[in-house]
């Protein structure tokens, strides 16, 4: 196994979901996350009727931000010190994509 994707949150009542991913360093940069998350977004929007798909990342994770951009997401803002890790708290960037913005593929793949 080289990685994984999941819906960290998927709430039908609110129409909002959050996607989480991880990937081993040796296979990064091959488009695996982008392709997998495209399929997840498509399913969430078309099959489950989600209105909003969220993506959270720490500000230092440039690869994660690049994936969000490739998927057509917009940066909504920063939740300051929202993520505890060990003895420290880290900021979290919130990225999102609205159902009306989704065409079935990420802009970079059109």
N, C-alpha and C. Protein backbone atom coordinates (compact mmCIF):
# COMPACT_ATOMS: atom_id res chain seq x y z
N UNK A 1 0.84 -1.16 0.00
CA UNK A 1 0.00 0.00 0.00
C UNK A 1 0.90 1.24 0.00
N UNK A 2 0.57 2.18 -0.86
CA UNK A 2 1.37 3.39 -0.97
C UNK A 2 0.63 4.64 -0.52
N UNK A 3 -0.64 4.48 -0.16
CA UNK A 3 -1.40 5.64 0.28
C UNK A 3 -2.85 5.30 0.51
N UNK A 4 -3.61 6.31 0.82
CA UNK A 4 -5.02 6.11 1.05
C UNK A 4 -5.79 7.41 0.96
N UNK A 5 -7.07 7.28 0.69
CA UNK A 5 -7.97 8.42 0.66
C UNK A 5 -9.21 8.05 1.47
N UNK A 6 -9.87 9.05 2.02
CA UNK A 6 -11.09 8.79 2.77
C UNK A 6 -11.91 10.06 2.88
N UNK A 7 -13.18 9.86 3.16
CA UNK A 7 -14.02 10.98 3.54
C UNK A 7 -13.91 11.09 5.04
N UNK A 8 -13.20 12.08 5.52
CA UNK A 8 -13.08 12.29 6.98
C UNK A 8 -14.42 12.67 7.55
N UNK A 9 -15.19 13.43 6.77
CA UNK A 9 -16.53 13.85 7.15
C UNK A 9 -17.39 13.76 5.89
N UNK A 10 -18.61 13.24 6.04
CA UNK A 10 -19.57 13.26 4.94
C UNK A 10 -20.94 13.33 5.61
N UNK A 11 -21.52 14.52 5.60
CA UNK A 11 -22.77 14.76 6.29
C UNK A 11 -23.85 15.10 5.27
N UNK A 12 -24.72 14.15 5.02
CA UNK A 12 -25.76 14.33 4.01
C UNK A 12 -26.68 15.51 4.36
N UNK A 13 -26.99 15.67 5.63
CA UNK A 13 -27.92 16.72 6.03
C UNK A 13 -27.39 18.11 5.70
N UNK A 14 -26.09 18.32 5.84
CA UNK A 14 -25.51 19.64 5.54
C UNK A 14 -24.98 19.72 4.12
N UNK A 15 -24.80 18.57 3.47
CA UNK A 15 -24.27 18.57 2.11
C UNK A 15 -22.80 18.91 2.03
N UNK A 16 -22.08 18.67 3.13
CA UNK A 16 -20.66 19.02 3.19
C UNK A 16 -19.85 17.76 3.50
N UNK A 17 -18.73 17.61 2.79
CA UNK A 17 -17.82 16.52 3.09
C UNK A 17 -16.38 17.05 3.10
N UNK A 18 -15.53 16.29 3.75
CA UNK A 18 -14.10 16.63 3.79
C UNK A 18 -13.32 15.40 3.36
N UNK A 19 -12.39 15.59 2.47
CA UNK A 19 -11.56 14.50 1.97
C UNK A 19 -10.19 14.58 2.63
N UNK A 20 -9.67 13.43 3.04
CA UNK A 20 -8.33 13.32 3.60
C UNK A 20 -7.53 12.32 2.80
N UNK A 21 -6.22 12.52 2.72
CA UNK A 21 -5.35 11.62 1.95
C UNK A 21 -4.00 11.47 2.64
N UNK A 22 -3.31 10.40 2.29
CA UNK A 22 -1.90 10.24 2.65
C UNK A 22 -1.24 9.44 1.54
N UNK A 23 0.05 9.66 1.38
CA UNK A 23 0.80 9.01 0.31
C UNK A 23 2.26 8.88 0.72
N UNK A 24 2.86 7.74 0.45
CA UNK A 24 4.27 7.56 0.78
C UNK A 24 5.13 8.44 -0.14
N UNK A 25 6.25 8.92 0.36
CA UNK A 25 7.09 9.83 -0.43
C UNK A 25 7.58 9.24 -1.76
N UNK A 26 7.79 7.94 -1.82
CA UNK A 26 8.37 7.35 -3.03
C UNK A 26 7.43 7.36 -4.24
N UNK A 27 6.14 7.61 -4.05
CA UNK A 27 5.21 7.65 -5.18
C UNK A 27 4.56 9.02 -5.35
N UNK A 28 5.03 10.01 -4.61
CA UNK A 28 4.49 11.35 -4.76
C UNK A 28 4.88 11.92 -6.11
N UNK A 29 4.05 12.82 -6.62
CA UNK A 29 4.36 13.48 -7.88
C UNK A 29 3.92 12.70 -9.11
N UNK A 30 3.14 11.64 -8.94
CA UNK A 30 2.68 10.83 -10.07
C UNK A 30 1.21 11.06 -10.40
N UNK A 31 0.56 11.97 -9.67
CA UNK A 31 -0.84 12.26 -9.93
C UNK A 31 -1.82 11.29 -9.30
N UNK A 32 -1.33 10.41 -8.44
CA UNK A 32 -2.21 9.41 -7.83
C UNK A 32 -3.29 10.05 -6.97
N UNK A 33 -2.91 10.99 -6.12
CA UNK A 33 -3.88 11.64 -5.24
C UNK A 33 -4.88 12.44 -6.06
N UNK A 34 -4.41 13.18 -7.03
CA UNK A 34 -5.32 14.00 -7.85
C UNK A 34 -6.36 13.11 -8.53
N UNK A 35 -5.94 12.02 -9.13
CA UNK A 35 -6.89 11.13 -9.82
C UNK A 35 -7.86 10.47 -8.85
N UNK A 36 -7.36 10.03 -7.71
CA UNK A 36 -8.24 9.38 -6.74
C UNK A 36 -9.26 10.36 -6.18
N UNK A 37 -8.82 11.57 -5.87
CA UNK A 37 -9.72 12.55 -5.28
C UNK A 37 -10.71 13.07 -6.31
N UNK A 38 -10.32 13.15 -7.57
CA UNK A 38 -11.28 13.50 -8.62
C UNK A 38 -12.46 12.54 -8.59
N UNK A 39 -12.18 11.25 -8.49
CA UNK A 39 -13.25 10.24 -8.45
C UNK A 39 -14.11 10.41 -7.20
N UNK A 40 -13.47 10.72 -6.08
CA UNK A 40 -14.21 10.92 -4.84
C UNK A 40 -15.13 12.14 -4.93
N UNK A 41 -14.60 13.24 -5.47
CA UNK A 41 -15.41 14.45 -5.61
C UNK A 41 -16.59 14.18 -6.53
N UNK A 42 -16.32 13.53 -7.64
CA UNK A 42 -17.38 13.24 -8.60
C UNK A 42 -18.49 12.42 -7.94
N UNK A 43 -18.13 11.39 -7.19
CA UNK A 43 -19.10 10.56 -6.49
C UNK A 43 -19.87 11.37 -5.45
N UNK A 44 -19.14 12.17 -4.67
CA UNK A 44 -19.78 12.95 -3.60
C UNK A 44 -20.79 13.94 -4.17
N UNK A 45 -20.43 14.60 -5.26
CA UNK A 45 -21.31 15.61 -5.85
C UNK A 45 -22.46 14.97 -6.62
N UNK A 46 -22.13 14.01 -7.50
CA UNK A 46 -23.16 13.43 -8.38
C UNK A 46 -24.04 12.39 -7.70
N UNK A 47 -23.45 11.55 -6.89
CA UNK A 47 -24.21 10.45 -6.28
C UNK A 47 -24.78 10.79 -4.91
N UNK A 48 -24.04 11.54 -4.13
CA UNK A 48 -24.49 11.85 -2.76
C UNK A 48 -25.06 13.25 -2.62
N UNK A 49 -24.96 14.06 -3.66
CA UNK A 49 -25.55 15.39 -3.63
C UNK A 49 -24.85 16.38 -2.72
N UNK A 50 -23.55 16.19 -2.50
CA UNK A 50 -22.81 17.14 -1.67
C UNK A 50 -22.75 18.50 -2.36
N UNK A 51 -22.91 19.54 -1.59
CA UNK A 51 -22.84 20.90 -2.11
C UNK A 51 -21.43 21.49 -1.99
N UNK A 52 -20.67 20.96 -1.03
CA UNK A 52 -19.35 21.52 -0.74
C UNK A 52 -18.40 20.39 -0.36
N UNK A 53 -17.22 20.42 -0.98
CA UNK A 53 -16.16 19.47 -0.66
C UNK A 53 -15.01 20.27 -0.06
N UNK A 54 -14.56 19.83 1.11
CA UNK A 54 -13.48 20.56 1.79
C UNK A 54 -12.19 19.74 1.80
N UNK A 55 -11.09 20.48 1.89
CA UNK A 55 -9.73 19.92 1.90
C UNK A 55 -8.96 20.74 2.92
N UNK A 56 -8.43 20.11 3.94
CA UNK A 56 -7.67 20.82 4.97
C UNK A 56 -6.21 20.42 4.91
N UNK A 57 -5.34 21.39 5.12
CA UNK A 57 -3.90 21.12 5.10
C UNK A 57 -3.18 22.15 5.96
N UNK A 58 -2.00 21.80 6.42
CA UNK A 58 -1.20 22.78 7.14
C UNK A 58 -0.54 23.70 6.12
N UNK A 59 -0.30 24.97 6.47
CA UNK A 59 0.25 25.92 5.51
C UNK A 59 1.58 25.51 4.89
N UNK A 60 2.37 24.73 5.58
CA UNK A 60 3.68 24.34 5.06
C UNK A 60 3.60 23.21 4.03
N UNK A 61 2.44 22.58 3.88
CA UNK A 61 2.31 21.44 2.96
C UNK A 61 1.99 21.93 1.55
N UNK A 62 3.03 22.32 0.83
CA UNK A 62 2.87 22.88 -0.51
C UNK A 62 2.33 21.84 -1.50
N UNK A 63 2.69 20.58 -1.34
CA UNK A 63 2.17 19.53 -2.23
C UNK A 63 0.66 19.39 -2.09
N UNK A 64 0.17 19.44 -0.87
CA UNK A 64 -1.26 19.34 -0.63
C UNK A 64 -1.99 20.54 -1.22
N UNK A 65 -1.42 21.73 -1.07
CA UNK A 65 -2.01 22.93 -1.65
C UNK A 65 -2.05 22.83 -3.17
N UNK A 66 -1.01 22.26 -3.76
CA UNK A 66 -0.95 22.10 -5.21
C UNK A 66 -2.05 21.16 -5.70
N UNK A 67 -2.30 20.09 -4.95
CA UNK A 67 -3.39 19.18 -5.31
C UNK A 67 -4.72 19.92 -5.26
N UNK A 68 -4.95 20.68 -4.19
CA UNK A 68 -6.19 21.44 -4.07
C UNK A 68 -6.38 22.37 -5.26
N UNK A 69 -5.32 23.04 -5.67
CA UNK A 69 -5.41 23.94 -6.84
C UNK A 69 -5.73 23.15 -8.10
N UNK A 70 -5.04 22.02 -8.30
CA UNK A 70 -5.29 21.20 -9.50
C UNK A 70 -6.74 20.72 -9.55
N UNK A 71 -7.34 20.50 -8.40
CA UNK A 71 -8.72 20.04 -8.34
C UNK A 71 -9.72 21.19 -8.52
N UNK A 72 -9.22 22.40 -8.63
CA UNK A 72 -10.09 23.56 -8.82
C UNK A 72 -10.61 24.16 -7.53
N UNK A 73 -10.01 23.78 -6.41
CA UNK A 73 -10.44 24.30 -5.12
C UNK A 73 -9.92 25.72 -4.90
N UNK A 74 -10.61 26.41 -4.01
CA UNK A 74 -10.19 27.76 -3.61
C UNK A 74 -9.83 27.75 -2.13
N UNK A 75 -8.87 28.55 -1.79
CA UNK A 75 -8.46 28.68 -0.39
C UNK A 75 -9.44 29.61 0.32
N UNK A 76 -10.13 29.06 1.31
CA UNK A 76 -11.13 29.84 2.05
C UNK A 76 -10.50 30.66 3.16
N UNK A 77 -9.46 30.13 3.78
CA UNK A 77 -8.84 30.84 4.89
C UNK A 77 -8.04 29.91 5.77
N UNK A 78 -7.66 30.43 6.94
CA UNK A 78 -6.82 29.69 7.87
C UNK A 78 -7.50 29.61 9.22
N UNK A 79 -7.53 28.40 9.78
CA UNK A 79 -7.98 28.21 11.15
C UNK A 79 -6.73 28.21 12.01
N UNK A 80 -6.54 29.25 12.77
CA UNK A 80 -5.31 29.41 13.54
C UNK A 80 -5.25 28.41 14.69
N UNK A 81 -4.11 27.74 14.77
CA UNK A 81 -3.80 26.78 15.84
C UNK A 81 -4.92 25.76 16.05
N UNK A 82 -5.51 25.29 14.99
CA UNK A 82 -6.65 24.37 15.08
C UNK A 82 -6.25 22.90 15.15
N UNK A 83 -4.99 22.57 14.84
CA UNK A 83 -4.57 21.18 14.75
C UNK A 83 -3.48 20.88 15.78
N UNK A 84 -3.81 20.09 16.80
CA UNK A 84 -2.77 19.74 17.78
C UNK A 84 -1.93 18.57 17.26
N UNK A 85 -0.63 18.70 17.40
CA UNK A 85 0.29 17.63 17.03
C UNK A 85 1.42 17.64 18.06
N UNK A 86 1.45 16.60 18.87
CA UNK A 86 2.42 16.57 19.95
C UNK A 86 2.13 17.68 20.93
N UNK A 87 3.15 18.45 21.26
CA UNK A 87 3.01 19.55 22.20
C UNK A 87 2.73 20.89 21.52
N UNK A 88 2.54 20.86 20.21
CA UNK A 88 2.34 22.11 19.47
C UNK A 88 0.98 22.13 18.81
N UNK A 89 0.52 23.32 18.51
CA UNK A 89 -0.71 23.51 17.75
C UNK A 89 -0.33 24.16 16.43
N UNK A 90 -0.95 23.70 15.35
CA UNK A 90 -0.62 24.18 14.01
C UNK A 90 -1.84 24.81 13.36
N UNK A 91 -1.56 25.80 12.50
CA UNK A 91 -2.62 26.40 11.70
C UNK A 91 -3.09 25.38 10.66
N UNK A 92 -4.32 25.54 10.20
CA UNK A 92 -4.89 24.68 9.17
C UNK A 92 -5.50 25.56 8.09
N UNK A 93 -5.10 25.32 6.84
CA UNK A 93 -5.73 26.01 5.72
C UNK A 93 -6.96 25.23 5.30
N UNK A 94 -8.04 25.95 5.00
CA UNK A 94 -9.26 25.34 4.51
C UNK A 94 -9.41 25.69 3.04
N UNK A 95 -9.52 24.65 2.21
CA UNK A 95 -9.76 24.79 0.77
C UNK A 95 -11.12 24.16 0.49
N UNK A 96 -11.82 24.64 -0.53
CA UNK A 96 -13.11 24.05 -0.83
C UNK A 96 -13.43 24.14 -2.32
N UNK A 97 -14.39 23.30 -2.69
CA UNK A 97 -14.93 23.26 -4.04
C UNK A 97 -16.43 23.13 -3.89
N UNK A 98 -17.19 23.95 -4.59
CA UNK A 98 -18.64 23.88 -4.55
C UNK A 98 -19.14 23.02 -5.71
N UNK A 99 -20.26 22.36 -5.50
CA UNK A 99 -20.82 21.48 -6.52
C UNK A 99 -20.98 22.20 -7.85
N UNK A 100 -21.41 23.45 -7.81
CA UNK A 100 -21.62 24.22 -9.03
C UNK A 100 -20.31 24.48 -9.80
N UNK A 101 -19.18 24.35 -9.12
CA UNK A 101 -17.87 24.57 -9.75
C UNK A 101 -17.29 23.29 -10.34
N UNK A 102 -17.88 22.15 -10.03
CA UNK A 102 -17.35 20.85 -10.44
C UNK A 102 -17.91 20.45 -11.80
N UNK A 103 -17.02 20.14 -12.72
CA UNK A 103 -17.45 19.72 -14.05
C UNK A 103 -17.20 18.24 -14.29
N UNK A 104 -16.63 17.56 -13.31
CA UNK A 104 -16.36 16.15 -13.48
C UNK A 104 -14.90 15.83 -13.68
N UNK A 105 -14.08 16.86 -13.77
CA UNK A 105 -12.62 16.64 -13.83
C UNK A 105 -11.94 17.90 -13.34
N UNK A 106 -10.76 17.70 -12.81
CA UNK A 106 -9.98 18.84 -12.33
C UNK A 106 -9.56 19.70 -13.51
N UNK A 107 -9.45 21.00 -13.32
CA UNK A 107 -9.09 21.90 -14.42
C UNK A 107 -7.81 21.50 -15.15
N UNK A 108 -6.82 20.99 -14.44
CA UNK A 108 -5.56 20.62 -15.07
C UNK A 108 -5.69 19.39 -15.97
N UNK A 109 -6.79 18.65 -15.83
CA UNK A 109 -6.98 17.44 -16.62
C UNK A 109 -7.97 17.61 -17.76
N UNK A 110 -8.44 18.81 -17.98
CA UNK A 110 -9.44 19.06 -19.04
C UNK A 110 -8.78 19.13 -20.39
